[in-house]
Amino acid sequence: MKQKDIIIIAVIAILAGAGSLVFSNLVISSPKNRQDKVEIVEAMSSIFKQPDPRYFNAESVNPTKIIRIGDSTNPKPFNGTN
């Protein structure tokens, strides 16, 4: 490339960038497009209600307890096949 070509490409790139900036500010992101309605969220608190006693009580099932079905002492339950 010659030096003239580099200058022309740089000028075209600058003009294209400026044109796209103006176009995006006027057409794509106009002030009416930037307005949006959002819902207001209440502030969180460190005070929580007690959980429902129907589900959280002393007789409830403990999901962390190990469940064993039957009394299996077999060290190779699948007959040694892997």
Protein backbone atom coordinates (compact mmCIF):
# COMPACT_ATOMS: atom_id res chain seq x y z
CA MET A 1 0.00 0.00 0.00
CA LYS A 2 1.05 3.50 -0.60
CA GLN A 3 0.96 6.28 1.97
CA LYS A 4 -2.03 7.88 0.22
CA ASP A 5 -4.05 4.68 0.62
CA ILE A 6 -3.39 4.54 4.38
CA ILE A 7 -4.50 8.15 4.83
CA ILE A 8 -7.70 7.57 2.82
CA ILE A 9 -8.53 4.42 4.83
CA ALA A 10 -7.92 6.31 8.11
CA VAL A 11 -10.16 9.20 7.03
CA ILE A 12 -12.93 6.81 5.95
CA ALA A 13 -12.68 4.94 9.27
CA ILE A 14 -12.91 8.17 11.27
CA LEU A 15 -15.90 9.38 9.24
CA ALA A 16 -17.65 6.00 9.57
CA GLY A 17 -17.08 5.99 13.33
CA ALA A 18 -18.38 9.53 13.73
CA GLY A 19 -21.38 8.78 11.52
CA SER A 20 -22.27 5.63 13.44
CA LEU A 21 -21.95 7.50 16.75
CA VAL A 22 -24.34 10.22 15.58
CA PHE A 23 -26.75 7.66 14.11
CA SER A 24 -26.82 5.57 17.28
CA ASN A 25 -27.39 8.61 19.51
CA LEU A 26 -30.20 10.00 17.37
CA VAL A 27 -32.03 6.90 16.18
CA ILE A 28 -31.19 3.83 18.22
CA SER A 29 -30.84 5.24 21.72
CA SER A 30 -33.13 8.21 21.71
CA PRO A 31 -34.27 9.51 25.12
CA LYS A 32 -37.70 7.88 24.72
CA ASN A 33 -36.00 4.48 24.27
CA ARG A 34 -33.96 4.97 27.44
CA GLN A 35 -37.00 5.36 29.68
CA ASP A 36 -38.09 2.15 31.39
CA LYS A 37 -40.37 1.25 34.27
CA VAL A 38 -38.97 -1.01 36.97
CA GLU A 39 -40.58 -2.50 40.00
CA ILE A 40 -39.49 -1.28 43.41
CA VAL A 41 -38.08 -3.98 45.64
CA GLU A 42 -38.52 -3.87 49.38
CA ALA A 43 -35.44 -3.83 51.56
CA MET A 44 -34.35 -7.17 52.99
CA SER A 45 -34.47 -7.72 56.72
CA SER A 46 -32.54 -10.02 59.02
CA ILE A 47 -35.77 -10.93 60.84
CA PHE A 48 -37.48 -14.03 59.47
CA LYS A 49 -40.75 -15.69 60.35
CA GLN A 50 -40.68 -19.14 61.91
CA PRO A 51 -41.08 -21.91 59.31
CA ASP A 52 -44.36 -23.77 58.99
CA PRO A 53 -44.62 -26.32 61.82
CA ARG A 54 -46.47 -28.74 59.51
CA TYR A 55 -43.18 -29.36 57.70
CA PHE A 56 -40.51 -28.40 60.21
CA ASN A 57 -41.09 -30.26 63.46
CA ALA A 58 -39.52 -33.00 65.62
CA GLU A 59 -41.34 -35.82 63.78
CA SER A 60 -40.30 -34.68 60.30
CA VAL A 61 -38.16 -36.88 58.08
CA ASN A 62 -34.47 -36.01 58.33
CA PRO A 63 -33.17 -35.84 54.73
CA THR A 64 -29.54 -36.02 55.92
CA LYS A 65 -29.99 -39.36 57.66
CA ILE A 66 -28.47 -42.39 55.92
CA ILE A 67 -31.17 -44.74 54.65
CA ARG A 68 -30.43 -48.46 54.61
CA ILE A 69 -32.75 -50.90 52.91
CA GLY A 70 -32.37 -54.41 54.26
CA ASP A 71 -29.33 -55.85 56.06
CA SER A 72 -26.73 -56.42 53.36
CA THR A 73 -23.28 -57.52 54.46
CA ASN A 74 -22.22 -58.64 50.98
CA PRO A 75 -18.93 -56.88 50.03
CA LYS A 76 -19.49 -57.65 46.32
CA PRO A 77 -23.16 -56.99 45.60
CA PHE A 78 -22.74 -57.44 41.86
CA ASN A 79 -20.85 -60.78 42.00
CA GLY A 80 -17.47 -59.18 41.37
CA THR A 81 -18.34 -57.83 37.93
CA ASN A 82 -17.52 -54.21 37.27
